[in-house]
C-alpha atoms as a PDB file:
ATOM      1  CA  MET A   1     -92.561 -13.598-105.861  1.00  0.00           C
ATOM      2  CA  LYS A   2     -96.297 -12.984-105.576  1.00  0.00           C
ATOM      3  CA  ARG A   3     -96.777 -13.660-109.282  1.00  0.00           C
ATOM      4  CA  THR A   4     -94.837 -16.931-109.035  1.00  0.00           C
ATOM      5  CA  LEU A   5     -97.008 -18.105-106.136  1.00  0.00           C
ATOM      6  CA  LEU A   6    -100.177 -17.268-108.056  1.00  0.00           C
ATOM      7  CA  VAL A   7     -98.944 -19.138-111.127  1.00  0.00           C
ATOM      8  CA  ILE A   8     -98.095 -22.162-108.980  1.00  0.00           C
ATOM      9  CA  ALA A   9    -101.524 -21.977-107.320  1.00  0.00           C
ATOM     10  CA  VAL A  10    -103.257 -21.927-110.725  1.00  0.00           C
ATOM     11  CA  ALA A  11    -101.191 -24.933-111.840  1.00  0.00           C
ATOM     12  CA  VAL A  12    -102.023 -26.846-108.655  1.00  0.00           C
ATOM     13  CA  VAL A  13    -105.747 -26.138-109.008  1.00  0.00           C
ATOM     14  CA  TYR A  14    -105.576 -27.203-112.655  1.00  0.00           C
ATOM     15  CA  VAL A  15    -103.946 -30.505-111.709  1.00  0.00           C
ATOM     16  CA  LEU A  16    -106.446 -31.054-108.888  1.00  0.00           C
ATOM     17  CA  HIS A  17    -109.299 -30.615-111.354  1.00  0.00           C
ATOM     18  CA  GLN A  18    -108.153 -33.755-113.193  1.00  0.00           C
ATOM     19  CA  ASP A  19    -109.634 -36.025-110.522  1.00  0.00           C
ATOM     20  CA  PHE A  20    -109.237 -39.470-112.042  1.00  0.00           C
ATOM     21  CA  TRP A  21    -109.132 -41.102-108.587  1.00  0.00           C
ATOM     22  CA  PHE A  22    -112.903 -40.836-107.923  1.00  0.00           C
ATOM     23  CA  TRP A  23    -114.216 -41.860-111.350  1.00  0.00           C
ATOM     24  CA  ARG A  24    -115.126 -45.465-110.659  1.00  0.00           C
ATOM     25  CA  THR A  25    -116.582 -45.350-107.180  1.00  0.00           C
ATOM     26  CA  ALA A  26    -119.289 -43.527-105.281  1.00  0.00           C
ATOM     27  CA  ARG A  27    -118.022 -44.828-101.947  1.00  0.00           C
ATOM     28  CA  PRO A  28    -117.279 -43.705 -99.328  1.00  0.00           C
ATOM     29  CA  LEU A  29    -120.252 -41.468 -98.725  1.00  0.00           C
ATOM     30  CA  VAL A  30    -119.421 -38.151 -97.096  1.00  0.00           C
ATOM     31  CA  PHE A  31    -121.833 -37.203 -94.302  1.00  0.00           C
ATOM     32  CA  GLY A  32    -123.546 -40.518 -94.973  1.00  0.00           C
ATOM     33  CA  PHE A  33    -125.275 -39.466 -98.216  1.00  0.00           C
ATOM     34  CA  VAL A  34    -122.977 -37.411-100.500  1.00  0.00           C
ATOM     35  CA  PRO A  35    -120.868 -39.427-102.978  1.00  0.00           C
ATOM     36  CA  VAL A  36    -117.182 -38.712-102.572  1.00  0.00           C
ATOM     37  CA  GLY A  37    -116.827 -37.434-106.160  1.00  0.00           C
ATOM     38  CA  LEU A  38    -119.591 -34.879-105.679  1.00  0.00           C
ATOM     39  CA  PHE A  39    -118.089 -33.732-102.391  1.00  0.00           C
ATOM     40  CA  TYR A  40    -114.687 -33.417-104.062  1.00  0.00           C
ATOM     41  CA  HIS A  41    -116.132 -31.208-106.806  1.00  0.00           C
ATOM     42  CA  ALA A  42    -117.956 -29.052-104.264  1.00  0.00           C
ATOM     43  CA  CYS A  43    -114.680 -28.516-102.401  1.00  0.00           C
ATOM     44  CA  PHE A  44    -112.906 -27.883-105.693  1.00  0.00           C
ATOM     45  CA  ALA A  45    -115.479 -25.214-106.613  1.00  0.00           C
ATOM     46  CA  VAL A  46    -114.842 -23.427-103.311  1.00  0.00           C
ATOM     47  CA  LEU A  47    -111.075 -23.662-103.866  1.00  0.00           C
ATOM     48  CA  ALA A  48    -111.388 -22.326-107.430  1.00  0.00           C
ATOM     49  CA  SER A  49    -113.542 -19.431-106.198  1.00  0.00           C
ATOM     50  CA  LEU A  50    -110.969 -18.508-103.573  1.00  0.00           C
ATOM     51  CA  LEU A  51    -108.192 -18.681-106.147  1.00  0.00           C
ATOM     52  CA  LEU A  52    -110.099 -16.417-108.531  1.00  0.00           C
ATOM     53  CA  TRP A  53    -110.692 -13.957-105.692  1.00  0.00           C
ATOM     54  CA  LEU A  54    -106.929 -13.945-105.011  1.00  0.00           C
ATOM     55  CA  LEU A  55    -106.175 -13.422-108.688  1.00  0.00           C
ATOM     56  CA  VAL A  56    -108.569 -10.483-108.930  1.00  0.00           C
ATOM     57  CA  LYS A  57    -107.221  -8.952-105.720  1.00  0.00           C
ATOM     58  CA  HIS A  58    -103.517  -9.347-106.498  1.00  0.00           C
ATOM     59  CA  ALA A  59    -103.116  -9.747-110.264  1.00  0.00           C
ATOM     60  CA  TRP A  60    -105.868  -7.621-111.794  1.00  0.00           C
ATOM     61  CA  PRO A  61    -104.441  -5.233-114.409  1.00  0.00           C
ATOM     62  CA  SER A  62    -105.617  -2.030-112.726  1.00  0.00           C
ATOM     63  CA  HIS A  63    -103.738   0.152-115.222  1.00  0.00           C
ATOM     64  CA  LEU A  64    -106.201  -1.018-117.898  1.00  0.00           C
ATOM     65  CA  GLU A  65    -109.094  -0.040-115.651  1.00  0.00           C
ATOM     66  CA  ARG A  66    -107.650   3.445-115.216  1.00  0.00           C
ATOM     67  CA  GLU A  67    -107.154   3.832-118.978  1.00  0.00           C
ATOM     68  CA  ALA A  68    -110.729   2.736-119.709  1.00  0.00           C
ATOM     69  CA  GLU A  69    -112.132   5.079-117.068  1.00  0.00           C
ATOM     70  CA  SER A  70    -110.133   8.032-118.367  1.00  0.00           C
ATOM     71  CA  GLN A  71    -111.291   7.352-121.944  1.00  0.00           C
ATOM     72  CA  THR A  72    -114.899   7.184-120.774  1.00  0.00           C
ATOM     73  CA  HIS A  73    -114.437  10.435-118.838  1.00  0.00           C
ATOM     74  CA  ASP A  74    -112.903  12.132-121.909  1.00  0.00           C
ATOM     75  CA  HIS A  75    -115.801  11.041-124.120  1.00  0.00           C
ATOM     76  CA  GLU A  76    -118.319  12.332-121.569  1.00  0.00           C
ATOM     77  CA  GLU A  77    -116.637  15.735-121.543  1.00  0.00           C
ATOM     78  CA  GLU A  78    -116.616  15.888-125.354  1.00  0.00           C
ATOM     79  CA  ALA A  79    -120.348  15.143-125.428  1.00  0.00           C
ATOM     80  CA  ARG A  80    -121.124  18.177-123.239  1.00  0.00           C
END
């Protein structure tokens, strides 16, 4: 279930990145000076960062980390 939610989240963020709705206008200005497209991309960058954090926390292949660490440890012992 967790994997399915993460896959759906990646797909949603991918679709949101294709922001064709703000291409032709700089109005309205957010906070009175930031064009809406720039504000959208700033928010998208925060969203993408949070998604990547979730992916690292919940979908990182930790078994590969353990294998790499054990191989490094074995090579260190052989060098002694």
